[in-house]
Protein backbone atom coordinates (compact mmCIF):
# COMPACT_ATOMS: atom_id res chain seq x y z
CA MET A 1 -8.95 -14.16 -6.79
CA PRO A 2 -6.24 -13.80 -9.06
CA LYS A 3 -2.96 -11.80 -7.61
CA ARG A 4 -2.93 -8.10 -8.62
CA GLY A 5 -0.21 -6.85 -10.20
CA LEU A 6 1.65 -3.51 -8.85
CA PHE A 7 0.19 -1.35 -10.91
CA GLU A 8 -3.20 -2.65 -9.41
CA GLU A 9 -1.24 -2.28 -5.62
CA LYS A 10 0.42 0.84 -6.47
CA ILE A 11 -3.06 3.06 -8.00
CA PRO A 12 -5.66 2.62 -4.58
CA GLU A 13 -2.91 3.61 -2.87
CA TYR A 14 -2.00 6.85 -4.87
CA VAL A 15 -5.31 8.28 -4.75
CA ALA A 16 -5.85 7.25 -1.35
CA LYS A 17 -3.71 9.59 -0.35
CA LEU A 18 -4.29 12.59 -2.32
CA ALA A 19 -8.17 12.25 -1.95
CA SER A 20 -6.95 12.33 2.16
CA GLY A 21 -4.73 15.30 1.87
CA LEU A 22 -1.99 13.41 3.01
CA GLU A 23 0.04 14.40 -0.46
CA LYS A 24 -1.00 17.65 -2.66
CA VAL A 25 -2.99 16.95 -5.94
CA GLU A 26 -0.66 18.78 -7.98
CA ASP A 27 2.34 18.05 -6.72
CA PHE A 28 1.70 14.50 -7.90
CA ASP A 29 3.57 12.63 -11.01
CA SER A 30 4.97 9.28 -11.79
CA PRO A 31 7.60 8.67 -14.53
CA VAL A 32 6.47 5.22 -13.97
CA LEU A 33 2.69 5.97 -15.62
CA ALA A 34 1.43 7.04 -18.05
CA ARG A 35 0.18 10.59 -18.83
CA HIS A 36 -3.87 9.93 -19.02
CA THR A 37 -2.97 7.82 -15.80
CA VAL A 38 -1.95 9.94 -13.79
CA GLU A 39 -4.29 12.83 -15.28
CA ALA A 40 -7.20 9.95 -13.70
CA ILE A 41 -5.37 9.71 -10.71
CA ARG A 42 -5.91 13.26 -10.04
CA ARG A 43 -8.93 13.60 -11.20
CA ILE A 44 -10.47 10.60 -9.20
CA ALA A 45 -8.13 12.63 -6.24
CA MET A 46 -10.34 15.48 -6.83
CA ARG A 47 -13.94 14.06 -6.28
CA LEU A 48 -13.18 11.78 -3.44
CA MET A 49 -11.93 14.92 -1.84
CA ASN A 50 -14.89 15.66 1.03
CA LEU A 51 -14.19 18.14 3.37
CA LYS A 52 -17.61 19.75 5.35
CA GLY A 53 -15.77 22.27 6.93
CA ASN A 54 -12.66 21.14 8.73
CA VAL A 55 -14.14 17.47 8.54
CA ILE A 56 -13.68 14.38 6.53
CA TYR A 57 -16.81 12.16 5.04
CA CYS A 58 -16.38 9.15 2.46
CA PRO A 59 -18.50 10.43 -1.24
CA LEU A 60 -18.54 6.94 -2.04
CA CYS A 61 -19.96 5.61 1.39
CA GLY A 62 -21.00 8.58 3.85
CA LYS A 63 -18.90 7.38 6.08
CA GLY A 64 -17.60 9.85 8.40
CA PRO A 65 -16.68 11.63 10.15
CA PHE A 66 -12.17 11.19 9.65
CA THR A 67 -9.09 12.81 9.98
CA LYS A 68 -6.51 12.32 7.30
CA LYS A 69 -5.37 9.14 8.08
CA GLY A 70 -8.22 8.26 9.12
CA TYR A 71 -9.22 8.85 5.36
CA TYR A 72 -6.77 7.83 3.94
CA LEU A 73 -6.79 3.66 5.31
CA HIS A 74 -10.83 3.82 4.84
CA LEU A 75 -10.22 4.44 1.39
CA ILE A 76 -7.25 1.95 0.74
CA ARG A 77 -9.32 -1.26 3.31
CA VAL A 78 -13.03 -0.39 2.25
CA HIS A 79 -13.24 0.67 -1.63
CA ASN A 80 -10.14 -0.75 -2.96
CA GLU A 81 -11.50 -1.90 -5.62
CA GLU A 82 -13.59 0.98 -6.81
CA LEU A 83 -10.75 2.89 -6.35
CA LEU A 84 -9.33 1.05 -9.17
CA GLU A 85 -11.88 0.73 -11.36
CA MET A 86 -12.71 4.40 -10.84
CA VAL A 87 -8.63 5.25 -12.58
CA ILE A 88 -8.97 2.76 -14.90
CA GLU A 89 -12.30 4.11 -16.97
CA GLU A 90 -10.82 7.63 -16.35
CA SER A 91 -7.91 6.60 -17.60
CA GLU A 92 -9.68 4.65 -20.37
CA ARG A 93 -11.95 8.36 -21.15
CA ILE A 94 -8.76 10.36 -20.84
CA SER A 95 -7.22 8.07 -24.23
CA LEU A 96 -9.82 8.43 -26.32
CA THR A 97 -10.62 11.90 -26.05
CA SER A 98 -6.65 12.46 -26.82
CA LYS A 99 -7.34 10.12 -29.65
CA ARG A 100 -10.29 11.46 -31.05
CA THR A 101 -8.73 15.66 -30.93
CA ARG A 102 -5.38 14.07 -33.16
CA VAL A 103 -7.09 12.30 -35.81
């Protein structure tokens, strides 16, 4: 397996922190990442927020219940690659949409 860069390492962590509620989605920003990537991270995190009452379940695999910290760790350990792929796909979708609206 090729060594992952800083981008690939940090993106799943950002998503997991936001999805688990350890950080607020509306407060997330990064001066290093492109605008469409920041927006993609926010959107994916919102999709992965899966509260049933006060209990957190993983919408990707159905496991749970989790605490906020437990859900964060689950996402990082079990779904790391999926999170990265989801953000890349969403980022490309946002980028293409913004290019179409500018033309």
